[in-house]
């Protein structure tokens, strides 16, 4: 089945216009949706529009309202809202070009594949694609779609182009509001070296097929079992991942954990040991020229 184009129009660069078609690059096939069911009757639950103190109302009596203050609304009918919607122009004009790594990932929302509309458009399409690759740039523009204006970025993707819908500035929270209490001190050089070694050891090419949504798989198995069990209760045993975070009382020495990770060993959760039994570990550290009589106390965090 041929995919249906989400948008048809043209990309304009100065005096050059390229007819294109845009297709959704993603799908929501992994998630499962549920309906609310009235258990005694087995029928789906429906929702009525109700007003406190009045009860159920007619759908035709409902209008949209914007809350100015608590309980104070400005009411708008559909005609008033339609009047300010932008005309869905069939042109995406590239008004600026930025470095391909200049846009923070926080701004990206949804990707679309962009393909030439016909054979005549292919030559100009390829020229634009190769120019973006060679200059390592991303094209920016605004696309009027369904009455709203969306900020978009156009960049090369293999032998084609991909369009990314971007968030506007007021849609992104400032990171500084959440990270201002995180320390800026340089970490211990030995710890940093071990972390870098571990990252290098686990580095490789990304392939999304290597990862699986285990929750959805388990949920599908439960649904299949439940269907066969004719309504009887079933439970799925799911193995929980080992806690390697050293939370609570199971504190693992960071240096030892990193060393064990680099060596390919699983850091075991330490049991309660006496001070005498802990001494050989200190000797092992000295043998690797990273003597640590006791874990360094982390410097106090600077508060903003």
Protein backbone atom coordinates (compact mmCIF):
# COMPACT_ATOMS: atom_id res chain seq x y z
CA UNK A 1 0.00 0.00 0.00
CA UNK A 2 1.42 3.38 -1.05
CA UNK A 3 1.74 5.84 1.85
CA UNK A 4 -0.49 8.90 1.69
CA UNK A 5 1.29 12.25 1.60
CA UNK A 6 0.78 14.34 4.73
CA UNK A 7 1.43 17.56 2.78
CA UNK A 8 1.99 18.51 -0.85
CA UNK A 9 3.59 21.76 -1.95
CA UNK A 10 6.94 23.24 -2.81
CA UNK A 11 10.20 24.17 -1.12
CA UNK A 12 11.40 27.59 -2.19
CA UNK A 13 15.02 28.71 -2.06
CA UNK A 14 15.26 32.25 -3.45
CA UNK A 15 13.95 31.91 -7.04
CA UNK A 16 14.11 28.09 -7.08
CA UNK A 17 10.94 26.12 -6.31
CA UNK A 18 11.00 22.35 -5.76
CA UNK A 19 7.66 20.45 -5.78
CA UNK A 20 7.69 17.93 -2.90
CA UNK A 21 5.53 15.57 -0.90
CA UNK A 22 5.88 15.08 2.85
CA UNK A 23 5.23 11.74 4.60
CA UNK A 24 5.15 10.88 8.30
CA UNK A 25 8.44 9.23 9.33
CA UNK A 26 7.12 7.61 12.51
CA UNK A 27 4.23 5.47 13.68
CA UNK A 28 2.74 4.57 17.04
CA UNK A 29 2.73 0.81 16.61
CA UNK A 30 4.42 -0.13 19.89
CA UNK A 31 1.90 1.34 22.36
CA UNK A 32 -1.28 -0.40 23.50
CA UNK A 33 -4.48 1.45 24.30
CA UNK A 34 -7.19 0.42 26.74
CA UNK A 35 -10.90 1.18 27.03
CA UNK A 36 -12.63 1.72 30.36
CA UNK A 37 -15.16 -1.11 30.88
CA UNK A 38 -18.07 -1.44 33.32
CA UNK A 39 -17.10 -4.80 34.88
CA UNK A 40 -20.59 -6.05 35.91
CA UNK A 41 -22.01 -5.59 32.38
CA UNK A 42 -18.84 -5.81 30.32
CA UNK A 43 -19.85 -2.72 28.34
CA UNK A 44 -17.60 0.28 27.54
CA UNK A 45 -17.92 3.41 29.66
CA UNK A 46 -19.12 6.56 27.88
CA UNK A 47 -18.72 10.13 29.02
CA UNK A 48 -21.44 12.74 29.22
CA UNK A 49 -20.90 16.49 29.12
CA UNK A 50 -22.13 17.82 32.46
CA UNK A 51 -22.18 21.18 34.22
CA UNK A 52 -21.92 21.28 38.04
CA UNK A 53 -25.33 22.02 39.50
CA UNK A 54 -27.07 21.58 36.13
CA UNK A 55 -26.25 18.07 34.96
CA UNK A 56 -26.07 16.72 31.40
CA UNK A 57 -26.17 19.38 28.66
CA UNK A 58 -26.62 19.49 24.90
CA UNK A 59 -23.47 19.46 22.79
CA UNK A 60 -24.73 22.46 20.76
CA UNK A 61 -24.62 24.63 23.89
CA UNK A 62 -20.86 24.19 24.28
CA UNK A 63 -18.43 26.94 23.21
CA UNK A 64 -14.70 27.39 23.77
CA UNK A 65 -13.48 29.60 26.58
CA UNK A 66 -10.10 30.98 27.67
CA UNK A 67 -9.66 31.39 31.43
CA UNK A 68 -8.35 34.87 32.28
CA UNK A 69 -8.58 34.29 36.02
CA UNK A 70 -10.20 31.77 38.35
CA UNK A 71 -13.77 31.34 37.10
CA UNK A 72 -13.49 34.25 34.64
CA UNK A 73 -13.62 33.15 30.97
CA UNK A 74 -13.54 34.84 27.57
CA UNK A 75 -15.93 32.92 25.32
CA UNK A 76 -15.14 32.36 21.62
CA UNK A 77 -17.29 30.70 18.98
CA UNK A 78 -15.91 28.65 16.09
CA UNK A 79 -16.20 31.50 13.57
CA UNK A 80 -14.07 33.80 15.72
CA UNK A 81 -11.36 31.16 16.02
CA UNK A 82 -11.48 30.29 12.32
CA UNK A 83 -11.07 33.96 11.39
CA UNK A 84 -7.53 34.12 12.81
CA UNK A 85 -6.32 30.82 11.36
CA UNK A 86 -3.58 31.18 8.77
CA UNK A 87 -4.13 30.16 5.20
CA UNK A 88 -2.47 26.81 4.55
CA UNK A 89 0.07 27.94 1.99
CA UNK A 90 1.63 25.30 -0.22
CA UNK A 91 5.10 26.80 0.03
CA UNK A 92 7.91 26.24 2.53
CA UNK A 93 10.38 29.06 2.11
CA UNK A 94 13.86 28.44 3.52
CA UNK A 95 14.75 31.76 5.15
CA UNK A 96 17.89 30.83 7.12
CA UNK A 97 20.61 28.18 7.33
CA UNK A 98 22.40 27.13 10.52
CA UNK A 99 25.06 24.54 11.39
CA UNK A 100 23.60 21.03 11.60
CA UNK A 101 24.52 20.77 15.29
CA UNK A 102 23.32 24.28 16.24
CA UNK A 103 19.77 23.21 17.17
CA UNK A 104 19.40 21.60 20.59
CA UNK A 105 17.61 18.24 20.60
CA UNK A 106 15.01 19.72 22.96
CA UNK A 107 13.52 21.66 20.05
CA UNK A 108 12.86 18.65 17.80
CA UNK A 109 9.33 17.18 17.98
CA UNK A 110 8.33 15.12 14.93
CA UNK A 111 10.14 14.04 11.75
CA UNK A 112 8.76 13.77 8.20
CA UNK A 113 10.27 12.36 5.03
CA UNK A 114 10.43 14.82 2.13
CA UNK A 115 10.40 13.33 -1.38
CA UNK A 116 10.39 14.97 -4.83
CA UNK A 117 6.86 15.18 -6.24
CA UNK A 118 7.86 14.05 -9.73
CA UNK A 119 10.81 13.36 -12.02
CA UNK A 120 11.10 17.02 -13.05
CA UNK A 121 11.63 18.05 -9.42
CA UNK A 122 14.33 15.44 -8.76
CA UNK A 123 17.29 17.39 -10.18
CA UNK A 124 16.70 20.49 -8.03
CA UNK A 125 15.90 18.23 -5.06
CA UNK A 126 19.28 16.47 -5.37
CA UNK A 127 21.11 19.78 -5.73
CA UNK A 128 19.57 21.04 -2.47
CA UNK A 129 20.33 17.77 -0.68
CA UNK A 130 23.99 17.75 -1.73
CA UNK A 131 24.42 21.46 -0.95
CA UNK A 132 23.14 20.90 2.60
CA UNK A 133 25.48 17.91 3.01
CA UNK A 134 28.53 19.77 1.72
CA UNK A 135 27.94 22.89 3.81
CA UNK A 136 26.79 20.85 6.85
CA UNK A 137 23.84 23.17 7.23
CA UNK A 138 20.16 22.86 8.16
CA UNK A 139 17.51 24.98 6.43
CA UNK A 140 14.89 26.78 8.55
CA UNK A 141 11.43 28.02 7.61
CA UNK A 142 7.82 28.25 8.77
CA UNK A 143 5.07 26.09 7.36
CA UNK A 144 1.38 27.07 7.55
CA UNK A 145 -0.57 23.88 8.15
CA UNK A 146 -4.11 23.34 9.43
CA UNK A 147 -4.43 26.99 10.40
CA UNK A 148 -1.27 27.14 12.50
CA UNK A 149 2.30 28.12 11.70
CA UNK A 150 4.99 25.59 12.51
CA UNK A 151 8.72 26.17 12.74
CA UNK A 152 10.55 23.49 10.74
CA UNK A 153 14.10 22.42 9.88
CA UNK A 154 15.14 20.70 6.65
CA UNK A 155 18.23 18.50 6.58
CA UNK A 156 19.70 15.70 4.45
CA UNK A 157 18.90 12.09 5.37
CA UNK A 158 20.68 9.42 3.33
CA UNK A 159 19.65 9.90 -0.29
CA UNK A 160 16.71 12.12 0.70
CA UNK A 161 15.64 15.01 2.89
CA UNK A 162 13.95 15.01 6.27
CA UNK A 163 11.79 17.78 7.72
CA UNK A 164 11.71 18.20 11.51
CA UNK A 165 8.96 20.15 13.26
CA UNK A 166 10.57 22.32 15.95
CA UNK A 167 9.29 23.77 19.20
CA UNK A 168 9.17 27.54 19.61
CA UNK A 169 11.34 29.15 22.29
CA UNK A 170 8.46 29.60 24.76
CA UNK A 171 7.73 25.86 24.62
CA UNK A 172 11.12 24.84 26.09
CA UNK A 173 11.98 25.18 29.79
CA UNK A 174 15.37 26.68 30.60
CA UNK A 175 17.85 24.01 31.70
CA UNK A 176 19.48 26.40 34.19
CA UNK A 177 16.32 26.29 36.32
CA UNK A 178 16.97 22.60 36.99
CA UNK A 179 20.77 22.35 36.98
CA UNK A 180 21.77 25.43 38.99
CA UNK A 181 22.53 23.36 42.12
CA UNK A 182 24.63 20.77 40.30
CA UNK A 183 28.32 21.15 41.18
CA UNK A 184 30.77 22.47 38.57
CA UNK A 185 33.92 21.02 40.18
CA UNK A 186 36.21 18.83 38.09
CA UNK A 187 35.89 15.10 38.94
CA UNK A 188 38.74 12.91 40.17
CA UNK A 189 41.10 12.26 37.21
CA UNK A 190 41.26 8.49 37.84
CA UNK A 191 37.48 8.20 38.00
CA UNK A 192 37.12 10.21 34.81
CA UNK A 193 39.69 8.05 33.03
CA UNK A 194 37.85 4.86 34.03
CA UNK A 195 34.51 6.31 32.90
CA UNK A 196 36.01 7.27 29.52
CA UNK A 197 37.46 3.76 29.15
CA UNK A 198 34.06 2.21 29.91
CA UNK A 199 32.34 4.49 27.36
CA UNK A 200 34.91 3.59 24.70
CA UNK A 201 34.45 -0.12 25.46
CA UNK A 202 30.68 0.09 25.03
CA UNK A 203 30.69 2.38 21.99
CA UNK A 204 29.23 1.16 18.71
CA UNK A 205 26.92 1.94 15.82
CA UNK A 206 23.30 2.71 16.69
CA UNK A 207 20.62 0.31 15.48
CA UNK A 208 17.12 0.80 16.91
CA UNK A 209 16.33 -2.86 16.13
CA UNK A 210 18.75 -3.86 18.89
CA UNK A 211 16.33 -2.49 21.49
CA UNK A 212 12.94 -3.84 22.45
CA UNK A 213 10.03 -2.56 24.53
CA UNK A 214 9.87 -5.38 27.09
CA UNK A 215 6.86 -3.87 28.87
CA UNK A 216 4.70 -3.94 25.72
CA UNK A 217 5.85 -7.51 24.93
CA UNK A 218 4.94 -8.67 28.44
CA UNK A 219 1.60 -6.89 28.24
CA UNK A 220 0.78 -8.61 24.95
CA UNK A 221 1.56 -11.99 26.55
CA UNK A 222 -0.77 -11.21 29.46
CA UNK A 223 -3.56 -10.22 27.04
CA UNK A 224 -3.07 -13.47 25.08
CA UNK A 225 -3.07 -15.57 28.26
CA UNK A 226 -6.13 -13.75 29.58
CA UNK A 227 -8.00 -14.40 26.34
CA UNK A 228 -7.22 -18.13 26.57
CA UNK A 229 -8.03 -18.22 30.30
CA UNK A 230 -11.54 -16.89 29.54
CA UNK A 231 -11.42 -14.08 32.06
CA UNK A 232 -9.44 -15.79 34.81
CA UNK A 233 -6.76 -13.66 36.45
CA UNK A 234 -3.23 -14.13 35.11
CA UNK A 235 0.07 -12.59 36.15
CA UNK A 236 3.25 -12.25 34.13
CA UNK A 237 6.60 -12.73 35.87
CA UNK A 238 9.02 -10.05 34.69
CA UNK A 239 12.65 -10.04 35.72
CA UNK A 240 13.59 -6.73 37.28
CA UNK A 241 16.93 -5.26 36.19
CA UNK A 242 19.65 -5.44 38.80
CA UNK A 243 20.07 -2.23 40.79
CA UNK A 244 23.54 -0.97 39.94
CA UNK A 245 22.90 2.49 41.25
CA UNK A 246 24.14 1.85 44.78
CA UNK A 247 21.06 3.45 46.30
CA UNK A 248 20.02 3.27 49.91
CA UNK A 249 22.27 1.11 52.08
CA UNK A 250 23.72 -0.86 49.14
CA UNK A 251 26.49 1.63 48.52
CA UNK A 252 29.14 0.48 46.01
CA UNK A 253 32.47 2.30 45.91
CA UNK A 254 32.49 4.28 42.66
CA UNK A 255 36.12 3.46 41.82
CA UNK A 256 35.59 -0.27 42.42
CA UNK A 257 32.36 -0.28 40.40
CA UNK A 258 34.00 1.45 37.44
CA UNK A 259 36.99 -0.91 37.54
CA UNK A 260 34.71 -3.94 37.65
CA UNK A 261 32.70 -2.56 34.73
CA UNK A 262 35.83 -1.98 32.63
CA UNK A 263 37.02 -5.50 33.44
CA UNK A 264 33.66 -6.89 32.33
CA UNK A 265 32.71 -8.06 35.81
CA UNK A 266 29.38 -7.44 37.50
CA UNK A 267 29.85 -5.41 40.65
CA UNK A 268 28.36 -7.42 43.48
CA UNK A 269 26.36 -5.71 46.18
CA UNK A 270 28.64 -5.68 49.23
CA UNK A 271 27.56 -7.47 52.36
CA UNK A 272 28.25 -6.24 55.85
CA UNK A 273 31.95 -6.84 56.52
CA UNK A 274 34.25 -5.99 59.33
CA UNK A 275 36.96 -3.35 59.00
CA UNK A 276 39.60 -6.11 59.03
CA UNK A 277 38.13 -7.80 55.96
CA UNK A 278 38.07 -4.51 54.06
CA UNK A 279 41.89 -4.03 54.19
CA UNK A 280 42.84 -6.36 51.27
CA UNK A 281 40.76 -4.19 48.94
CA UNK A 282 42.92 -1.19 49.79
CA UNK A 283 46.06 -3.20 48.87
CA UNK A 284 44.51 -4.16 45.55
CA UNK A 285 43.98 -0.48 44.82
CA UNK A 286 47.62 0.32 45.56
CA UNK A 287 48.74 -2.41 43.16
CA UNK A 288 47.00 -0.57 40.33
CA UNK A 289 48.63 2.75 41.31
CA UNK A 290 45.32 4.25 42.34
CA UNK A 291 45.81 4.12 46.13
CA UNK A 292 42.77 5.30 48.01
CA UNK A 293 42.90 4.91 51.78
CA UNK A 294 39.32 6.07 51.95
CA UNK A 295 36.82 7.37 49.43
CA UNK A 296 37.26 11.07 48.82
CA UNK A 297 34.50 13.13 50.27
CA UNK A 298 32.69 14.96 47.49
CA UNK A 299 33.15 18.73 47.72
CA UNK A 300 30.16 20.65 48.92
CA UNK A 301 27.92 21.79 46.13
CA UNK A 302 27.82 25.45 45.38
CA UNK A 303 24.33 26.79 45.72
CA UNK A 304 23.13 29.51 43.42
